[in-house]
Amino acid sequence: MKIVRSIIREHFEGIEELDGEMAVNLGYFDDTKQQILYAIVKEGHSTFKLVDAPTKE
């Protein structure tokens, strides 16, 4: 549990709607900050999705 708490503390960015489903935003996937990792829980099963990060203009 200590490892799970550490991951959540470091990476949890909030809960958002993604493609009509609620998703946990786990922040940038890697140091390039080009993709964001989401965890989606649906019907008791979890999946992960990488989404391109918004570009800064």
N, C-alpha and C. Protein backbone atom coordinates (compact mmCIF):
# COMPACT_ATOMS: atom_id res chain seq x y z
N MET A 1 0.83 -1.21 0.00
CA MET A 1 0.00 0.00 0.00
C MET A 1 0.86 1.26 0.00
N LYS A 2 2.03 1.18 0.58
CA LYS A 2 2.92 2.33 0.63
C LYS A 2 3.29 2.80 -0.78
N ILE A 3 3.53 1.84 -1.66
CA ILE A 3 3.88 2.17 -3.03
C ILE A 3 2.70 2.82 -3.75
N VAL A 4 1.51 2.28 -3.55
CA VAL A 4 0.31 2.82 -4.20
C VAL A 4 0.05 4.25 -3.72
N ARG A 5 0.18 4.49 -2.43
CA ARG A 5 -0.01 5.85 -1.90
C ARG A 5 0.99 6.82 -2.51
N SER A 6 2.22 6.38 -2.65
CA SER A 6 3.26 7.23 -3.23
C SER A 6 2.93 7.58 -4.68
N ILE A 7 2.47 6.62 -5.44
CA ILE A 7 2.11 6.87 -6.84
C ILE A 7 0.95 7.86 -6.92
N ILE A 8 -0.07 7.67 -6.10
CA ILE A 8 -1.22 8.57 -6.11
C ILE A 8 -0.81 9.98 -5.70
N ARG A 9 0.00 10.10 -4.65
CA ARG A 9 0.45 11.43 -4.20
C ARG A 9 1.23 12.16 -5.28
N GLU A 10 2.07 11.43 -5.99
CA GLU A 10 2.94 12.06 -7.00
C GLU A 10 2.25 12.33 -8.32
N HIS A 11 1.25 11.50 -8.69
CA HIS A 11 0.74 11.57 -10.06
C HIS A 11 -0.73 11.94 -10.20
N PHE A 12 -1.51 11.87 -9.16
CA PHE A 12 -2.94 12.17 -9.26
C PHE A 12 -3.14 13.64 -9.59
N GLU A 13 -3.81 13.90 -10.72
CA GLU A 13 -4.06 15.28 -11.15
C GLU A 13 -5.55 15.63 -11.14
N GLY A 14 -6.38 14.66 -10.79
CA GLY A 14 -7.80 14.94 -10.72
C GLY A 14 -8.62 13.93 -11.51
N ILE A 15 -9.93 14.14 -11.49
CA ILE A 15 -10.86 13.28 -12.22
C ILE A 15 -11.53 14.15 -13.26
N GLU A 16 -11.54 13.65 -14.50
CA GLU A 16 -12.07 14.41 -15.62
C GLU A 16 -12.97 13.52 -16.47
N GLU A 17 -13.77 14.15 -17.30
CA GLU A 17 -14.55 13.39 -18.27
C GLU A 17 -13.71 13.25 -19.53
N LEU A 18 -13.61 12.02 -20.01
CA LEU A 18 -12.82 11.73 -21.20
C LEU A 18 -13.65 10.81 -22.10
N ASP A 19 -13.99 11.27 -23.27
CA ASP A 19 -14.81 10.48 -24.20
C ASP A 19 -16.10 9.99 -23.55
N GLY A 20 -16.72 10.85 -22.75
CA GLY A 20 -18.00 10.53 -22.12
C GLY A 20 -17.90 9.64 -20.89
N GLU A 21 -16.69 9.33 -20.44
CA GLU A 21 -16.50 8.50 -19.25
C GLU A 21 -15.65 9.25 -18.23
N MET A 22 -15.83 8.93 -16.96
CA MET A 22 -15.01 9.55 -15.93
C MET A 22 -13.66 8.86 -15.91
N ALA A 23 -12.60 9.65 -15.84
CA ALA A 23 -11.24 9.12 -15.91
C ALA A 23 -10.36 9.80 -14.86
N VAL A 24 -9.43 9.05 -14.33
CA VAL A 24 -8.46 9.58 -13.37
C VAL A 24 -7.26 10.07 -14.17
N ASN A 25 -6.96 11.36 -14.04
CA ASN A 25 -5.80 11.94 -14.71
C ASN A 25 -4.58 11.64 -13.86
N LEU A 26 -3.65 10.87 -14.42
CA LEU A 26 -2.43 10.50 -13.71
C LEU A 26 -1.23 11.33 -14.16
N GLY A 27 -1.49 12.41 -14.86
CA GLY A 27 -0.43 13.34 -15.23
C GLY A 27 0.33 12.90 -16.48
N TYR A 28 1.43 13.58 -16.71
CA TYR A 28 2.23 13.31 -17.90
C TYR A 28 2.80 11.90 -17.86
N PHE A 29 2.82 11.25 -19.02
CA PHE A 29 3.28 9.87 -19.14
C PHE A 29 4.79 9.77 -18.98
N ASP A 30 5.53 10.77 -19.50
CA ASP A 30 6.98 10.75 -19.37
C ASP A 30 7.52 12.18 -19.33
N ASP A 31 8.82 12.29 -19.30
CA ASP A 31 9.45 13.60 -19.14
C ASP A 31 9.26 14.55 -20.32
N THR A 32 8.87 14.02 -21.49
CA THR A 32 8.68 14.91 -22.64
C THR A 32 7.39 15.71 -22.53
N LYS A 33 6.49 15.29 -21.63
CA LYS A 33 5.22 15.98 -21.37
C LYS A 33 4.38 16.16 -22.64
N GLN A 34 4.40 15.14 -23.50
CA GLN A 34 3.62 15.20 -24.73
C GLN A 34 2.34 14.38 -24.64
N GLN A 35 2.25 13.49 -23.63
CA GLN A 35 1.06 12.67 -23.46
C GLN A 35 0.67 12.60 -21.99
N ILE A 36 -0.64 12.45 -21.75
CA ILE A 36 -1.17 12.33 -20.40
C ILE A 36 -1.77 10.93 -20.25
N LEU A 37 -1.52 10.31 -19.11
CA LEU A 37 -2.03 8.97 -18.84
C LEU A 37 -3.31 9.06 -18.02
N TYR A 38 -4.34 8.38 -18.50
CA TYR A 38 -5.62 8.32 -17.80
C TYR A 38 -5.94 6.88 -17.43
N ALA A 39 -6.56 6.69 -16.27
CA ALA A 39 -7.09 5.39 -15.87
C ALA A 39 -8.61 5.51 -15.91
N ILE A 40 -9.24 4.56 -16.57
CA ILE A 40 -10.70 4.56 -16.71
C ILE A 40 -11.22 3.28 -16.07
N VAL A 41 -12.15 3.43 -15.14
CA VAL A 41 -12.76 2.26 -14.50
C VAL A 41 -14.20 2.17 -14.98
N LYS A 42 -14.54 1.05 -15.57
CA LYS A 42 -15.87 0.84 -16.11
C LYS A 42 -16.30 -0.58 -15.80
N GLU A 43 -17.44 -0.69 -15.15
CA GLU A 43 -18.00 -1.99 -14.80
C GLU A 43 -17.00 -2.87 -14.04
N GLY A 44 -16.27 -2.25 -13.14
CA GLY A 44 -15.34 -2.99 -12.28
C GLY A 44 -14.01 -3.35 -12.90
N HIS A 45 -13.76 -2.90 -14.13
CA HIS A 45 -12.49 -3.19 -14.80
C HIS A 45 -11.80 -1.88 -15.15
N SER A 46 -10.49 -1.86 -15.05
CA SER A 46 -9.77 -0.64 -15.37
C SER A 46 -8.97 -0.79 -16.66
N THR A 47 -8.91 0.30 -17.38
CA THR A 47 -8.09 0.39 -18.59
C THR A 47 -7.30 1.68 -18.52
N PHE A 48 -6.31 1.79 -19.35
CA PHE A 48 -5.48 2.99 -19.40
C PHE A 48 -5.53 3.56 -20.80
N LYS A 49 -5.40 4.87 -20.87
CA LYS A 49 -5.44 5.55 -22.16
C LYS A 49 -4.42 6.68 -22.17
N LEU A 50 -3.64 6.76 -23.23
CA LEU A 50 -2.72 7.88 -23.42
C LEU A 50 -3.37 8.89 -24.35
N VAL A 51 -3.32 10.15 -23.96
CA VAL A 51 -3.94 11.23 -24.73
C VAL A 51 -2.89 12.30 -24.96
N ASP A 52 -2.84 12.82 -26.18
CA ASP A 52 -1.90 13.91 -26.46
C ASP A 52 -2.18 15.08 -25.53
N ALA A 53 -1.15 15.64 -24.96
CA ALA A 53 -1.29 16.80 -24.08
C ALA A 53 -1.64 18.02 -24.91
N PRO A 54 -2.42 18.92 -24.34
CA PRO A 54 -2.72 20.16 -25.08
C PRO A 54 -1.43 20.93 -25.35
N THR A 55 -1.35 21.52 -26.52
CA THR A 55 -0.17 22.31 -26.85
C THR A 55 -0.29 23.69 -26.25
N LYS A 56 0.83 24.21 -25.79
CA LYS A 56 0.85 25.56 -25.21
C LYS A 56 1.14 26.55 -26.32
N GLU A 57 0.26 27.52 -26.47
CA GLU A 57 0.44 28.53 -27.52
C GLU A 57 0.71 29.87 -26.92
